[in-house]
N, C-alpha and C. Protein backbone atom coordinates (compact mmCIF):
# COMPACT_ATOMS: atom_id res chain seq x y z
N MET A 1 -8.43 -14.18 -113.86
CA MET A 1 -8.42 -13.93 -115.29
C MET A 1 -7.17 -13.17 -115.71
N LYS A 2 -6.80 -12.17 -114.89
CA LYS A 2 -5.59 -11.40 -115.21
C LYS A 2 -4.35 -12.28 -115.14
N LYS A 3 -4.32 -13.20 -114.14
CA LYS A 3 -3.17 -14.11 -114.02
C LYS A 3 -3.07 -15.00 -115.25
N ILE A 4 -4.21 -15.50 -115.73
CA ILE A 4 -4.21 -16.38 -116.90
C ILE A 4 -3.69 -15.64 -118.12
N ALA A 5 -4.12 -14.38 -118.30
CA ALA A 5 -3.67 -13.59 -119.45
C ALA A 5 -2.17 -13.35 -119.39
N LEU A 6 -1.65 -13.05 -118.19
CA LEU A 6 -0.22 -12.81 -118.06
C LEU A 6 0.59 -14.07 -118.33
N ILE A 7 0.12 -15.21 -117.81
CA ILE A 7 0.83 -16.47 -118.05
C ILE A 7 0.82 -16.82 -119.53
N ALA A 8 -0.32 -16.59 -120.21
CA ALA A 8 -0.40 -16.87 -121.64
C ALA A 8 0.58 -16.01 -122.42
N PHE A 9 0.70 -14.73 -122.02
CA PHE A 9 1.64 -13.83 -122.69
C PHE A 9 3.07 -14.31 -122.52
N LEU A 10 3.44 -14.70 -121.31
CA LEU A 10 4.80 -15.16 -121.06
C LEU A 10 5.10 -16.44 -121.81
N LEU A 11 4.12 -17.34 -121.90
CA LEU A 11 4.33 -18.58 -122.66
C LEU A 11 4.51 -18.28 -124.14
N ALA A 12 3.76 -17.29 -124.65
CA ALA A 12 3.90 -16.92 -126.06
C ALA A 12 5.30 -16.38 -126.35
N VAL A 13 5.83 -15.59 -125.41
CA VAL A 13 7.19 -15.08 -125.57
C VAL A 13 8.19 -16.23 -125.62
N CYS A 14 8.02 -17.20 -124.75
CA CYS A 14 8.95 -18.34 -124.71
C CYS A 14 8.87 -19.18 -125.98
N VAL A 15 7.65 -19.39 -126.50
CA VAL A 15 7.50 -20.17 -127.73
C VAL A 15 8.15 -19.46 -128.90
N ALA A 16 7.93 -18.14 -128.98
CA ALA A 16 8.54 -17.37 -130.07
C ALA A 16 10.06 -17.43 -129.98
N ALA A 17 10.57 -17.37 -128.76
CA ALA A 17 12.02 -17.43 -128.57
C ALA A 17 12.57 -18.78 -128.99
N GLY A 18 11.83 -19.85 -128.70
CA GLY A 18 12.30 -21.18 -129.05
C GLY A 18 12.40 -21.39 -130.54
N ARG A 19 11.60 -20.66 -131.31
CA ARG A 19 11.61 -20.81 -132.76
C ARG A 19 12.70 -19.97 -133.43
N ALA A 20 13.26 -19.06 -132.70
CA ALA A 20 14.28 -18.18 -133.27
C ALA A 20 15.64 -18.84 -133.12
N GLN A 21 16.05 -19.60 -134.15
CA GLN A 21 17.23 -20.44 -134.05
C GLN A 21 18.51 -19.64 -133.94
N GLU A 22 18.56 -18.45 -134.51
CA GLU A 22 19.80 -17.69 -134.52
C GLU A 22 19.90 -16.74 -133.34
N SER A 23 18.90 -16.66 -132.49
CA SER A 23 18.88 -15.71 -131.39
C SER A 23 19.50 -16.33 -130.15
N ARG A 24 20.17 -15.48 -129.40
CA ARG A 24 20.78 -15.93 -128.16
C ARG A 24 19.76 -15.90 -127.04
N GLN A 25 19.79 -16.90 -126.20
CA GLN A 25 18.86 -17.01 -125.09
C GLN A 25 19.64 -17.30 -123.81
N ASP A 26 19.03 -16.98 -122.69
CA ASP A 26 19.63 -17.42 -121.42
C ASP A 26 18.54 -17.64 -120.39
N ILE A 27 18.87 -18.45 -119.41
CA ILE A 27 17.99 -18.71 -118.29
C ILE A 27 18.80 -18.52 -117.01
N SER A 28 18.21 -17.91 -116.01
CA SER A 28 18.95 -17.65 -114.77
C SER A 28 18.11 -18.03 -113.56
N ILE A 29 18.81 -18.42 -112.51
CA ILE A 29 18.18 -18.69 -111.22
C ILE A 29 18.91 -17.86 -110.17
N SER A 30 18.15 -17.16 -109.36
CA SER A 30 18.75 -16.22 -108.39
C SER A 30 18.09 -16.36 -107.03
N GLY A 31 18.85 -16.10 -106.00
CA GLY A 31 18.29 -15.89 -104.68
C GLY A 31 17.79 -14.46 -104.59
N SER A 32 16.72 -14.23 -103.86
CA SER A 32 16.14 -12.89 -103.80
C SER A 32 15.76 -12.52 -102.38
N ALA A 33 15.68 -11.21 -102.16
CA ALA A 33 15.17 -10.67 -100.90
C ALA A 33 14.06 -9.69 -101.23
N LEU A 34 13.01 -9.72 -100.45
CA LEU A 34 11.86 -8.85 -100.67
C LEU A 34 11.78 -7.88 -99.50
N VAL A 35 11.92 -6.58 -99.79
CA VAL A 35 11.92 -5.57 -98.73
C VAL A 35 10.83 -4.56 -99.06
N GLU A 36 9.80 -4.53 -98.22
CA GLU A 36 8.68 -3.61 -98.43
C GLU A 36 8.82 -2.42 -97.49
N PRO A 37 8.56 -1.21 -97.97
CA PRO A 37 8.76 -0.01 -97.13
C PRO A 37 7.65 0.15 -96.10
N PHE A 38 7.96 0.93 -95.06
CA PHE A 38 6.95 1.32 -94.08
C PHE A 38 5.96 2.27 -94.76
N ILE A 39 4.68 2.06 -94.51
CA ILE A 39 3.64 2.90 -95.12
C ILE A 39 2.81 3.54 -94.02
N ALA A 40 2.74 4.87 -94.02
CA ALA A 40 1.82 5.60 -93.14
C ALA A 40 0.81 6.27 -94.06
N SER A 41 -0.47 5.97 -93.88
CA SER A 41 -1.46 6.37 -94.87
C SER A 41 -2.35 7.50 -94.38
N SER A 42 -3.12 8.02 -95.34
CA SER A 42 -4.09 9.07 -95.05
C SER A 42 -5.33 8.50 -94.35
N THR A 43 -5.42 7.17 -94.25
CA THR A 43 -6.57 6.55 -93.59
C THR A 43 -6.24 6.10 -92.16
N ASP A 44 -5.12 6.57 -91.61
CA ASP A 44 -4.67 6.23 -90.26
C ASP A 44 -4.29 4.76 -90.11
N VAL A 45 -4.00 4.11 -91.22
CA VAL A 45 -3.51 2.73 -91.20
C VAL A 45 -2.01 2.75 -91.46
N GLN A 46 -1.24 2.07 -90.63
CA GLN A 46 0.19 1.94 -90.85
C GLN A 46 0.52 0.50 -91.20
N VAL A 47 1.43 0.35 -92.17
CA VAL A 47 1.79 -0.99 -92.65
C VAL A 47 3.30 -1.16 -92.54
N HIS A 48 3.71 -2.25 -91.89
CA HIS A 48 5.13 -2.54 -91.74
C HIS A 48 5.35 -4.02 -92.02
N SER A 49 6.47 -4.33 -92.71
CA SER A 49 6.75 -5.72 -93.10
C SER A 49 8.19 -6.09 -92.77
N ASN A 50 8.40 -7.39 -92.60
CA ASN A 50 9.77 -7.88 -92.45
C ASN A 50 10.35 -8.19 -93.82
N ALA A 51 11.65 -8.39 -93.90
CA ALA A 51 12.27 -8.84 -95.14
C ALA A 51 11.96 -10.32 -95.33
N ALA A 52 11.68 -10.70 -96.58
CA ALA A 52 11.41 -12.10 -96.90
C ALA A 52 12.40 -12.56 -97.96
N TYR A 53 12.62 -13.86 -98.03
CA TYR A 53 13.63 -14.40 -98.94
C TYR A 53 13.01 -15.47 -99.83
N GLY A 54 13.57 -15.60 -101.04
CA GLY A 54 13.02 -16.56 -101.98
C GLY A 54 13.92 -16.76 -103.17
N ALA A 55 13.30 -17.02 -104.33
CA ALA A 55 14.05 -17.31 -105.55
C ALA A 55 13.37 -16.67 -106.74
N LEU A 56 14.17 -16.40 -107.77
CA LEU A 56 13.68 -15.80 -109.01
C LEU A 56 14.21 -16.61 -110.19
N LEU A 57 13.30 -17.00 -111.09
CA LEU A 57 13.66 -17.69 -112.33
C LEU A 57 13.38 -16.75 -113.49
N SER A 58 14.37 -16.53 -114.35
CA SER A 58 14.22 -15.60 -115.47
C SER A 58 14.66 -16.25 -116.78
N TYR A 59 13.96 -15.87 -117.86
CA TYR A 59 14.32 -16.32 -119.21
C TYR A 59 14.46 -15.09 -120.10
N ARG A 60 15.55 -15.00 -120.84
CA ARG A 60 15.77 -13.88 -121.76
C ARG A 60 15.91 -14.36 -123.19
N PHE A 61 15.28 -13.62 -124.08
CA PHE A 61 15.39 -13.84 -125.52
C PHE A 61 16.01 -12.59 -126.13
N MET A 62 17.19 -12.72 -126.72
CA MET A 62 17.91 -11.57 -127.26
C MET A 62 17.32 -11.15 -128.61
N LEU A 63 16.81 -9.92 -128.68
CA LEU A 63 16.34 -9.35 -129.94
C LEU A 63 17.52 -8.89 -130.78
N THR A 64 18.49 -8.28 -130.12
CA THR A 64 19.74 -7.83 -130.74
C THR A 64 20.84 -8.11 -129.72
N PRO A 65 22.11 -7.90 -130.07
CA PRO A 65 23.16 -8.11 -129.06
C PRO A 65 23.03 -7.26 -127.80
N SER A 66 22.25 -6.17 -127.87
CA SER A 66 22.15 -5.28 -126.71
C SER A 66 20.73 -5.12 -126.17
N SER A 67 19.75 -5.83 -126.71
CA SER A 67 18.39 -5.71 -126.20
C SER A 67 17.73 -7.08 -126.14
N ALA A 68 16.81 -7.23 -125.19
CA ALA A 68 16.20 -8.54 -124.97
C ALA A 68 14.81 -8.38 -124.37
N LEU A 69 14.01 -9.44 -124.51
CA LEU A 69 12.77 -9.57 -123.78
C LEU A 69 12.99 -10.59 -122.66
N GLU A 70 12.39 -10.32 -121.51
CA GLU A 70 12.61 -11.18 -120.35
C GLU A 70 11.27 -11.57 -119.73
N ALA A 71 11.17 -12.83 -119.32
CA ALA A 71 10.02 -13.33 -118.56
C ALA A 71 10.52 -13.79 -117.20
N ASN A 72 9.77 -13.45 -116.14
CA ASN A 72 10.21 -13.74 -114.77
C ASN A 72 9.12 -14.44 -113.96
N TYR A 73 9.57 -15.35 -113.11
CA TYR A 73 8.69 -15.91 -112.08
C TYR A 73 9.46 -15.93 -110.77
N GLY A 74 8.92 -15.28 -109.77
CA GLY A 74 9.59 -15.23 -108.47
C GLY A 74 8.66 -15.66 -107.35
N ILE A 75 9.24 -16.16 -106.27
CA ILE A 75 8.45 -16.58 -105.12
C ILE A 75 9.22 -16.28 -103.84
N THR A 76 8.53 -15.82 -102.83
CA THR A 76 9.12 -15.66 -101.49
C THR A 76 8.19 -16.29 -100.47
N TYR A 77 8.73 -16.58 -99.30
CA TYR A 77 7.95 -17.26 -98.27
C TYR A 77 8.08 -16.52 -96.94
N GLN A 78 6.99 -16.54 -96.16
CA GLN A 78 6.94 -15.95 -94.83
C GLN A 78 7.28 -14.47 -94.83
N ASN A 79 6.59 -13.73 -95.68
CA ASN A 79 6.62 -12.28 -95.65
C ASN A 79 5.53 -11.83 -94.66
N LYS A 80 5.95 -11.31 -93.50
CA LYS A 80 4.99 -10.93 -92.46
C LYS A 80 4.60 -9.46 -92.65
N ILE A 81 3.35 -9.23 -93.01
CA ILE A 81 2.85 -7.87 -93.22
C ILE A 81 1.98 -7.50 -92.02
N ASN A 82 2.35 -6.42 -91.35
CA ASN A 82 1.65 -5.98 -90.14
C ASN A 82 0.85 -4.72 -90.42
N TYR A 83 -0.41 -4.74 -90.03
CA TYR A 83 -1.31 -3.59 -90.18
C TYR A 83 -1.63 -3.05 -88.78
N TYR A 84 -1.38 -1.77 -88.62
CA TYR A 84 -1.69 -1.11 -87.35
C TYR A 84 -2.89 -0.20 -87.58
N VAL A 85 -4.05 -0.66 -87.11
CA VAL A 85 -5.30 0.08 -87.26
C VAL A 85 -5.73 0.47 -85.86
N ASN A 86 -5.42 1.67 -85.46
CA ASN A 86 -5.59 2.12 -84.08
C ASN A 86 -6.97 1.75 -83.52
N PRO A 87 -7.00 1.00 -82.41
CA PRO A 87 -5.90 0.58 -81.54
C PRO A 87 -5.44 -0.87 -81.79
N ASN A 88 -5.82 -1.44 -82.91
CA ASN A 88 -5.58 -2.87 -83.14
C ASN A 88 -4.35 -3.13 -84.02
N HIS A 89 -3.81 -4.32 -83.87
CA HIS A 89 -2.66 -4.76 -84.68
C HIS A 89 -3.02 -6.11 -85.30
N TYR A 90 -2.84 -6.21 -86.62
CA TYR A 90 -3.10 -7.46 -87.33
C TYR A 90 -1.85 -7.87 -88.10
N GLN A 91 -1.56 -9.16 -88.09
CA GLN A 91 -0.42 -9.67 -88.86
C GLN A 91 -0.92 -10.70 -89.87
N VAL A 92 -0.37 -10.60 -91.10
CA VAL A 92 -0.71 -11.56 -92.15
C VAL A 92 0.58 -12.19 -92.65
N ASN A 93 0.76 -13.48 -92.37
CA ASN A 93 1.89 -14.21 -92.95
C ASN A 93 1.57 -14.49 -94.41
N THR A 94 2.50 -14.15 -95.29
CA THR A 94 2.19 -14.13 -96.71
C THR A 94 3.26 -14.82 -97.53
N ARG A 95 2.82 -15.57 -98.53
CA ARG A 95 3.70 -16.05 -99.58
C ARG A 95 3.44 -15.18 -100.80
N THR A 96 4.49 -14.69 -101.44
CA THR A 96 4.29 -13.83 -102.61
C THR A 96 4.82 -14.51 -103.87
N GLN A 97 4.17 -14.20 -104.98
CA GLN A 97 4.63 -14.66 -106.29
C GLN A 97 4.66 -13.48 -107.24
N GLU A 98 5.69 -13.46 -108.08
CA GLU A 98 5.80 -12.43 -109.12
C GLU A 98 5.75 -13.09 -110.48
N ILE A 99 4.92 -12.55 -111.37
CA ILE A 99 4.91 -12.94 -112.78
C ILE A 99 5.06 -11.66 -113.58
N SER A 100 6.13 -11.53 -114.35
CA SER A 100 6.39 -10.27 -115.03
C SER A 100 7.11 -10.48 -116.35
N ALA A 101 7.06 -9.46 -117.18
CA ALA A 101 7.80 -9.43 -118.43
C ALA A 101 8.48 -8.07 -118.52
N ALA A 102 9.63 -8.01 -119.18
CA ALA A 102 10.37 -6.75 -119.23
C ALA A 102 11.19 -6.65 -120.52
N TYR A 103 11.45 -5.40 -120.89
CA TYR A 103 12.42 -5.12 -121.94
C TYR A 103 13.75 -4.84 -121.25
N VAL A 104 14.82 -5.45 -121.74
CA VAL A 104 16.14 -5.32 -121.12
C VAL A 104 17.11 -4.68 -122.11
N ARG A 105 17.78 -3.63 -121.66
CA ARG A 105 18.82 -2.97 -122.47
C ARG A 105 20.15 -3.19 -121.78
N SER A 106 21.08 -3.82 -122.48
CA SER A 106 22.37 -4.14 -121.88
C SER A 106 23.51 -3.42 -122.58
N PHE A 107 24.64 -3.35 -121.89
CA PHE A 107 25.84 -2.68 -122.39
C PHE A 107 27.02 -3.62 -122.14
N THR A 108 28.05 -3.52 -122.96
CA THR A 108 29.18 -4.44 -122.84
C THR A 108 30.47 -3.68 -122.59
N PHE A 109 31.17 -4.04 -121.50
CA PHE A 109 32.49 -3.52 -121.18
C PHE A 109 33.38 -4.71 -120.82
N LYS A 110 33.99 -5.30 -121.85
CA LYS A 110 34.80 -6.51 -121.69
C LYS A 110 33.92 -7.62 -121.09
N LYS A 111 34.27 -8.11 -119.88
CA LYS A 111 33.48 -9.19 -119.30
C LYS A 111 32.32 -8.69 -118.45
N PHE A 112 32.19 -7.38 -118.31
CA PHE A 112 31.11 -6.80 -117.52
C PHE A 112 29.98 -6.35 -118.45
N ASN A 113 28.76 -6.68 -118.07
CA ASN A 113 27.60 -6.32 -118.88
C ASN A 113 26.52 -5.68 -118.00
N PRO A 114 26.58 -4.36 -117.79
CA PRO A 114 25.51 -3.69 -117.06
C PRO A 114 24.22 -3.73 -117.88
N PHE A 115 23.08 -3.66 -117.19
CA PHE A 115 21.81 -3.67 -117.90
C PHE A 115 20.74 -2.93 -117.11
N LEU A 116 19.73 -2.46 -117.84
CA LEU A 116 18.55 -1.83 -117.27
C LEU A 116 17.32 -2.56 -117.80
N GLU A 117 16.25 -2.60 -117.00
CA GLU A 117 15.04 -3.26 -117.48
C GLU A 117 13.79 -2.61 -116.89
N ALA A 118 12.68 -2.77 -117.61
CA ALA A 118 11.39 -2.26 -117.14
C ALA A 118 10.28 -3.00 -117.88
N GLY A 119 9.14 -3.15 -117.20
CA GLY A 119 8.01 -3.82 -117.83
C GLY A 119 6.86 -4.04 -116.87
N PRO A 120 5.75 -4.60 -117.37
CA PRO A 120 4.57 -4.84 -116.54
C PRO A 120 4.66 -6.16 -115.80
N GLY A 121 3.83 -6.29 -114.77
CA GLY A 121 3.83 -7.55 -114.04
C GLY A 121 2.69 -7.63 -113.05
N ALA A 122 2.61 -8.77 -112.40
CA ALA A 122 1.60 -9.00 -111.36
C ALA A 122 2.30 -9.52 -110.12
N PHE A 123 1.85 -9.06 -108.97
CA PHE A 123 2.36 -9.52 -107.68
C PHE A 123 1.19 -10.19 -106.97
N ILE A 124 1.37 -11.45 -106.62
CA ILE A 124 0.29 -12.22 -106.01
C ILE A 124 0.60 -12.40 -104.53
N PHE A 125 -0.28 -11.91 -103.68
CA PHE A 125 -0.13 -12.04 -102.23
C PHE A 125 -1.04 -13.18 -101.75
N LEU A 126 -0.43 -14.25 -101.24
CA LEU A 126 -1.20 -15.41 -100.79
C LEU A 126 -1.06 -15.56 -99.28
N PRO A 127 -2.12 -15.28 -98.52
CA PRO A 127 -2.04 -15.40 -97.06
C PRO A 127 -1.82 -16.85 -96.63
N ILE A 128 -0.97 -17.03 -95.64
CA ILE A 128 -0.72 -18.35 -95.06
C ILE A 128 -1.55 -18.45 -93.78
N ARG A 129 -2.47 -19.38 -93.76
CA ARG A 129 -3.37 -19.49 -92.61
C ARG A 129 -2.73 -20.36 -91.54
N ASN A 130 -1.94 -19.72 -90.69
CA ASN A 130 -1.33 -20.41 -89.56
C ASN A 130 -1.44 -19.51 -88.33
N SER A 131 -0.76 -19.88 -87.27
CA SER A 131 -0.89 -19.13 -86.02
C SER A 131 -0.33 -17.72 -86.12
N GLY A 132 0.52 -17.46 -87.13
CA GLY A 132 1.08 -16.12 -87.29
C GLY A 132 0.14 -15.14 -87.96
N THR A 133 -0.91 -15.63 -88.60
CA THR A 133 -1.90 -14.76 -89.25
C THR A 133 -3.05 -14.54 -88.28
N THR A 134 -3.27 -13.29 -87.89
CA THR A 134 -4.23 -13.00 -86.82
C THR A 134 -5.59 -12.55 -87.33
N SER A 135 -5.77 -12.48 -88.64
CA SER A 135 -7.09 -12.15 -89.20
C SER A 135 -7.54 -13.30 -90.09
N LEU A 136 -8.72 -13.84 -89.81
CA LEU A 136 -9.23 -14.97 -90.59
C LEU A 136 -9.97 -14.52 -91.85
N ASP A 137 -10.15 -13.21 -92.02
CA ASP A 137 -10.92 -12.70 -93.16
C ASP A 137 -10.06 -12.43 -94.39
N VAL A 138 -8.75 -12.61 -94.29
CA VAL A 138 -7.87 -12.24 -95.40
C VAL A 138 -8.03 -13.21 -96.57
N LYS A 139 -7.90 -12.66 -97.78
CA LYS A 139 -8.04 -13.44 -99.01
C LYS A 139 -6.85 -13.17 -99.93
N GLN A 140 -6.62 -14.11 -100.85
CA GLN A 140 -5.57 -13.93 -101.85
C GLN A 140 -5.85 -12.68 -102.68
N GLN A 141 -4.79 -11.95 -103.01
CA GLN A 141 -4.93 -10.73 -103.80
C GLN A 141 -3.87 -10.66 -104.88
N THR A 142 -4.29 -10.33 -106.10
CA THR A 142 -3.36 -10.13 -107.21
C THR A 142 -3.29 -8.64 -107.51
N ALA A 143 -2.10 -8.08 -107.44
CA ALA A 143 -1.90 -6.65 -107.67
C ALA A 143 -1.11 -6.45 -108.96
N ILE A 144 -1.64 -5.64 -109.86
CA ILE A 144 -0.97 -5.34 -111.12
C ILE A 144 -0.06 -4.13 -110.91
N GLY A 145 1.13 -4.17 -111.49
CA GLY A 145 2.05 -3.06 -111.30
C GLY A 145 3.15 -3.05 -112.34
N GLY A 146 4.24 -2.40 -112.00
CA GLY A 146 5.36 -2.26 -112.93
C GLY A 146 6.68 -2.65 -112.30
N LEU A 147 7.51 -3.31 -113.10
CA LEU A 147 8.84 -3.73 -112.69
C LEU A 147 9.88 -2.78 -113.27
N TYR A 148 10.90 -2.44 -112.48
CA TYR A 148 12.05 -1.70 -112.99
C TYR A 148 13.29 -2.24 -112.30
N GLY A 149 14.44 -2.02 -112.90
CA GLY A 149 15.65 -2.50 -112.25
C GLY A 149 16.90 -2.24 -113.05
N GLY A 150 18.01 -2.48 -112.40
CA GLY A 150 19.31 -2.36 -113.04
C GLY A 150 20.29 -3.28 -112.36
N GLY A 151 21.24 -3.79 -113.13
CA GLY A 151 22.19 -4.71 -112.54
C GLY A 151 23.42 -4.87 -113.41
N ILE A 152 24.20 -5.88 -113.08
CA ILE A 152 25.42 -6.15 -113.83
C ILE A 152 25.64 -7.65 -113.89
N ALA A 153 26.09 -8.11 -115.04
CA ALA A 153 26.45 -9.52 -115.23
C ALA A 153 27.95 -9.60 -115.49
N TYR A 154 28.60 -10.56 -114.86
CA TYR A 154 30.03 -10.78 -115.07
C TYR A 154 30.22 -12.14 -115.71
N GLU A 155 30.82 -12.14 -116.90
CA GLU A 155 30.99 -13.38 -117.66
C GLU A 155 32.12 -14.22 -117.08
N ILE A 156 31.79 -15.43 -116.64
CA ILE A 156 32.82 -16.33 -116.11
C ILE A 156 33.22 -17.39 -117.13
N SER A 157 32.41 -17.53 -118.20
CA SER A 157 32.73 -18.41 -119.32
C SER A 157 31.78 -18.03 -120.45
N PRO A 158 31.98 -18.53 -121.68
CA PRO A 158 31.04 -18.20 -122.75
C PRO A 158 29.60 -18.64 -122.46
N SER A 159 29.42 -19.59 -121.56
CA SER A 159 28.08 -20.11 -121.28
C SER A 159 27.47 -19.61 -119.97
N PHE A 160 28.29 -19.10 -119.05
CA PHE A 160 27.79 -18.74 -117.73
C PHE A 160 28.20 -17.32 -117.34
N ASP A 161 27.33 -16.67 -116.59
CA ASP A 161 27.73 -15.42 -115.94
C ASP A 161 27.07 -15.32 -114.57
N ILE A 162 27.68 -14.50 -113.73
CA ILE A 162 27.11 -14.18 -112.42
C ILE A 162 26.33 -12.88 -112.58
N ARG A 163 25.12 -12.86 -112.08
CA ARG A 163 24.23 -11.72 -112.32
C ARG A 163 23.71 -11.17 -111.00
N ALA A 164 23.94 -9.88 -110.78
CA ALA A 164 23.42 -9.20 -109.58
C ALA A 164 22.54 -8.05 -110.04
N GLU A 165 21.43 -7.86 -109.35
CA GLU A 165 20.49 -6.82 -109.79
C GLU A 165 19.75 -6.22 -108.60
N PHE A 166 19.50 -4.92 -108.69
CA PHE A 166 18.57 -4.27 -107.77
C PHE A 166 17.28 -4.04 -108.55
N ARG A 167 16.21 -4.70 -108.12
CA ARG A 167 14.93 -4.62 -108.80
C ARG A 167 13.94 -3.88 -107.91
N GLY A 168 12.94 -3.31 -108.53
CA GLY A 168 11.85 -2.69 -107.80
C GLY A 168 10.53 -3.06 -108.45
N PHE A 169 9.48 -3.10 -107.65
CA PHE A 169 8.14 -3.38 -108.18
C PHE A 169 7.17 -2.40 -107.53
N VAL A 170 6.45 -1.65 -108.37
CA VAL A 170 5.52 -0.64 -107.88
C VAL A 170 4.09 -1.16 -108.04
N THR A 171 3.35 -1.20 -106.95
CA THR A 171 1.97 -1.67 -106.99
C THR A 171 1.21 -1.12 -105.78
N LYS A 172 -0.08 -1.31 -105.75
CA LYS A 172 -0.88 -0.85 -104.62
C LYS A 172 -0.58 -1.69 -103.37
N VAL A 173 -0.62 -1.06 -102.21
CA VAL A 173 -0.47 -1.79 -100.95
C VAL A 173 -1.63 -2.78 -100.81
N PRO A 174 -1.36 -4.06 -100.55
CA PRO A 174 -2.45 -5.04 -100.49
C PRO A 174 -3.36 -4.82 -99.28
N THR A 175 -4.62 -5.18 -99.47
CA THR A 175 -5.59 -5.13 -98.37
C THR A 175 -6.10 -6.53 -98.01
N PHE A 176 -5.81 -7.52 -98.84
CA PHE A 176 -6.28 -8.89 -98.63
C PHE A 176 -7.80 -8.97 -98.51
N GLY A 177 -8.49 -8.02 -99.16
CA GLY A 177 -9.95 -8.03 -99.14
C GLY A 177 -10.56 -7.51 -97.86
N VAL A 178 -9.75 -6.92 -96.98
CA VAL A 178 -10.25 -6.39 -95.70
C VAL A 178 -10.29 -4.87 -95.81
N SER A 179 -11.47 -4.28 -95.74
CA SER A 179 -11.62 -2.85 -96.00
C SER A 179 -10.85 -1.99 -95.01
N GLN A 180 -10.74 -2.42 -93.75
CA GLN A 180 -10.05 -1.60 -92.77
C GLN A 180 -8.53 -1.59 -92.96
N PHE A 181 -8.00 -2.45 -93.85
CA PHE A 181 -6.57 -2.44 -94.17
C PHE A 181 -6.24 -1.45 -95.28
N SER A 182 -7.24 -0.76 -95.81
CA SER A 182 -7.02 0.13 -96.95
C SER A 182 -6.16 1.33 -96.57
N THR A 183 -5.16 1.62 -97.42
CA THR A 183 -4.25 2.75 -97.17
C THR A 183 -4.33 3.81 -98.26
N ASN A 184 -4.87 3.47 -99.43
CA ASN A 184 -4.87 4.37 -100.60
C ASN A 184 -3.46 4.79 -100.97
N LYS A 185 -2.51 3.88 -100.77
CA LYS A 185 -1.10 4.16 -101.05
C LYS A 185 -0.52 3.12 -102.00
N TRP A 186 0.64 3.50 -102.57
CA TRP A 186 1.38 2.60 -103.45
C TRP A 186 2.59 2.05 -102.73
N TYR A 187 2.92 0.81 -103.04
CA TYR A 187 4.12 0.14 -102.56
C TYR A 187 5.23 0.28 -103.60
N ASN A 188 6.42 0.65 -103.17
CA ASN A 188 7.61 0.53 -104.01
C ASN A 188 8.47 -0.55 -103.36
N ILE A 189 8.26 -1.79 -103.80
CA ILE A 189 8.90 -2.95 -103.18
C ILE A 189 10.32 -3.09 -103.71
N TYR A 190 11.29 -3.23 -102.83
CA TYR A 190 12.69 -3.43 -103.22
C TYR A 190 12.96 -4.93 -103.29
N TYR A 191 13.70 -5.34 -104.33
CA TYR A 191 13.76 -6.77 -104.66
C TYR A 191 15.15 -7.11 -105.20
N PRO A 192 16.22 -7.03 -104.38
CA PRO A 192 17.57 -7.36 -104.87
C PRO A 192 17.72 -8.86 -105.13
N THR A 193 18.52 -9.20 -106.14
CA THR A 193 18.75 -10.61 -106.49
C THR A 193 20.23 -10.85 -106.79
N LEU A 194 20.65 -12.09 -106.63
CA LEU A 194 22.00 -12.52 -106.97
C LEU A 194 21.92 -13.96 -107.45
N GLY A 195 22.45 -14.22 -108.67
CA GLY A 195 22.34 -15.58 -109.19
C GLY A 195 23.28 -15.87 -110.34
N VAL A 196 22.99 -16.96 -111.02
CA VAL A 196 23.81 -17.45 -112.13
C VAL A 196 22.94 -17.61 -113.36
N ALA A 197 23.46 -17.21 -114.53
CA ALA A 197 22.75 -17.34 -115.79
C ALA A 197 23.50 -18.30 -116.71
N TYR A 198 22.72 -19.08 -117.46
CA TYR A 198 23.28 -20.01 -118.46
C TYR A 198 22.81 -19.56 -119.84
N HIS A 199 23.75 -19.36 -120.77
CA HIS A 199 23.45 -18.92 -122.13
C HIS A 199 23.42 -20.12 -123.08
N PHE A 200 22.44 -20.14 -123.99
CA PHE A 200 22.37 -21.24 -124.95
C PHE A 200 21.78 -20.75 -126.27
């Protein structure tokens, strides 16, 4: 239900943007890396993950020359999340999806455009049931959290720019519905991206 509400909100933003004939819009596609921190919890559960790679699709609707609303959809594959529950070790191969919206504040210095952004979002953890996943009890989990980030865009033409950003996403550490994976901790996921934006 939460996913449906978020998708409906993002679609509403896109429809409103499409009707604003005088407003500047852009769409970008970026390569991304997902880096989750080591977690040592008060419940004696330790969580460690590998870096995962994927893609991020973003749409921006300019409210003013220096502010915008942004909708994002990101996906990564083969994010291996390891749970150390003394004396046992469990691994969950995971595909992640991000659905988020953000307010973006940008600045202009000739062809360089630094920007900051923040907003709400959802992170969807989808377990991949293969030989790398050692627990059969894991279930899909949607975690609600907050997106923040900062980056810089370099204009290579009136229609295109190169965009690099360091993003972060704060949410609860996933348990995949398994009570012994509970850490009572928050994840600050690091999410750098590099891509190209097209303005129209």
